[in-house]
Amino acid sequence: MALKRIQVGPRMSQAVVHGDTVYLAGQVALAAPGGSVTDQTKNILDRIDALLGEAGTSKSNLITATIWLCDMGDFNEMNAAWDAWVAPGDTPGRACVESPKLASSDFTVEIQVVAAL
């Protein structure tokens, strides 16, 4: 079965389609580095929408989501942005964990999702 890679870079692809499943790389707020947890989360969710759209699917088809926060004290703030975005009735399985350090100190939130086509 062939793979379709989306936004291929030297280190990773932002998304990979295999069969009827889309796997996104962990997304950070490239348009809001150093911003509030709300701003970063909203930017990440916009990026996820765009990547899912490029793959031919949408957030209504999310299967799982994994969220990393640098500080679990930001859980409610992140959830407010998440809850406003996620498709009611189509919520994915989800995990949220604390990771004191992400790849860059500019980012306090990272989200990875898997979706069906």
Protein backbone atom coordinates (compact mmCIF):
# COMPACT_ATOMS: atom_id res chain seq x y z
CA MET A 1 0.00 0.00 0.00
CA ALA A 2 1.46 3.34 -1.06
CA LEU A 3 2.11 6.19 1.34
CA LYS A 4 1.22 9.80 0.64
CA ARG A 5 3.47 12.29 2.43
CA ILE A 6 2.32 15.88 2.97
CA GLN A 7 4.66 18.84 3.49
CA VAL A 8 7.77 16.72 3.32
CA GLY A 9 10.84 18.15 5.00
CA PRO A 10 14.40 16.93 5.49
CA ARG A 11 13.61 15.56 8.97
CA MET A 12 9.92 14.69 8.83
CA SER A 13 6.66 14.99 6.95
CA GLN A 14 3.88 17.00 8.56
CA ALA A 15 1.39 14.28 7.67
CA VAL A 16 1.46 10.79 6.23
CA VAL A 17 -1.54 9.02 4.71
CA HIS A 18 -1.53 5.22 4.80
CA GLY A 19 -4.65 3.44 3.62
CA ASP A 20 -7.61 5.23 5.15
CA THR A 21 -5.63 6.78 8.02
CA VAL A 22 -3.86 10.14 8.34
CA TYR A 23 -1.03 10.51 10.86
CA LEU A 24 0.05 14.05 11.71
CA ALA A 25 3.40 14.98 13.18
CA GLY A 26 3.30 16.81 16.48
CA GLN A 27 2.21 20.38 15.72
CA VAL A 28 3.47 23.50 17.46
CA ALA A 29 2.38 27.12 17.11
CA LEU A 30 4.75 28.32 14.41
CA ALA A 31 2.67 31.50 14.01
CA ALA A 32 2.52 32.17 17.78
CA PRO A 33 5.89 31.23 19.34
CA GLY A 34 6.07 32.57 22.87
CA GLY A 35 2.36 33.37 22.82
CA SER A 36 -0.21 32.48 25.43
CA VAL A 37 -1.40 28.89 25.79
CA THR A 38 -4.69 29.97 24.19
CA ASP A 39 -2.96 31.59 21.21
CA GLN A 40 -0.63 28.63 20.75
CA THR A 41 -3.45 26.10 21.00
CA LYS A 42 -5.62 28.00 18.50
CA ASN A 43 -2.71 28.26 16.06
CA ILE A 44 -1.98 24.55 16.37
CA LEU A 45 -5.63 23.66 15.80
CA ASP A 46 -5.67 25.86 12.69
CA ARG A 47 -2.57 24.01 11.45
CA ILE A 48 -4.26 20.68 12.14
CA ASP A 49 -7.37 21.77 10.21
CA ALA A 50 -5.20 22.77 7.24
CA LEU A 51 -3.20 19.53 7.23
CA LEU A 52 -6.31 17.38 7.58
CA GLY A 53 -7.90 19.31 4.72
CA GLU A 54 -4.82 18.79 2.56
CA ALA A 55 -5.08 15.05 3.31
CA GLY A 56 -8.77 15.02 2.37
CA THR A 57 -10.38 14.74 5.80
CA SER A 58 -11.43 16.91 8.76
CA LYS A 59 -11.52 17.10 12.55
CA SER A 60 -14.84 15.22 12.47
CA ASN A 61 -12.81 12.12 11.60
CA LEU A 62 -10.27 12.35 14.42
CA ILE A 63 -9.41 9.00 15.99
CA THR A 64 -6.88 10.01 18.65
CA ALA A 65 -5.12 13.10 19.94
CA THR A 66 -2.09 13.45 22.17
CA ILE A 67 -1.40 16.80 23.80
CA TRP A 68 1.79 17.81 25.55
CA LEU A 69 1.78 20.81 27.91
CA CYS A 70 4.90 22.23 29.53
CA ASP A 71 2.81 22.92 32.64
CA MET A 72 -0.39 21.09 33.63
CA GLY A 73 -1.43 24.34 35.27
CA ASP A 74 -2.34 25.38 31.70
CA PHE A 75 -4.73 22.43 31.27
CA ASN A 76 -7.95 24.47 31.63
CA GLU A 77 -6.72 27.25 29.32
CA MET A 78 -5.76 24.75 26.63
CA ASN A 79 -9.06 22.87 27.08
CA ALA A 80 -11.07 26.06 26.55
CA ALA A 81 -9.52 26.45 23.07
CA TRP A 82 -9.79 22.70 22.39
CA ASP A 83 -13.46 22.52 23.45
CA ALA A 84 -14.35 25.47 21.20
CA TRP A 85 -12.66 23.71 18.25
CA VAL A 86 -13.44 20.00 18.54
CA ALA A 87 -16.48 18.72 16.62
CA PRO A 88 -19.30 18.02 19.12
CA GLY A 89 -20.18 14.33 19.12
CA ASP A 90 -17.00 13.47 17.20
CA THR A 91 -14.45 13.84 19.98
CA PRO A 92 -11.40 11.58 19.65
CA GLY A 93 -9.72 9.40 22.20
CA ARG A 94 -7.29 11.78 23.88
CA ALA A 95 -4.33 11.91 26.21
CA CYS A 96 -2.82 15.04 27.74
CA VAL A 97 0.51 14.89 29.54
CA GLU A 98 2.99 17.28 31.06
CA SER A 99 6.36 17.58 29.38
CA PRO A 100 8.43 20.31 31.04
CA LYS A 101 10.47 20.81 27.88
CA LEU A 102 9.36 20.69 24.27
CA ALA A 103 11.73 21.02 21.30
CA SER A 104 11.94 24.80 21.75
CA SER A 105 11.36 27.00 24.79
CA ASP A 106 9.11 29.17 22.55
CA PHE A 107 6.44 26.48 22.64
CA THR A 108 4.31 25.39 25.60
CA VAL A 109 1.82 23.19 23.72
CA GLU A 110 2.24 20.43 21.14
CA ILE A 111 -0.57 18.36 19.64
CA GLN A 112 -0.48 15.23 17.50
CA VAL A 113 -3.55 13.63 15.94
CA VAL A 114 -4.53 10.59 13.91
CA ALA A 115 -7.63 10.75 11.70
CA ALA A 116 -9.60 8.58 9.30
CA LEU A 117 -10.11 9.68 5.71
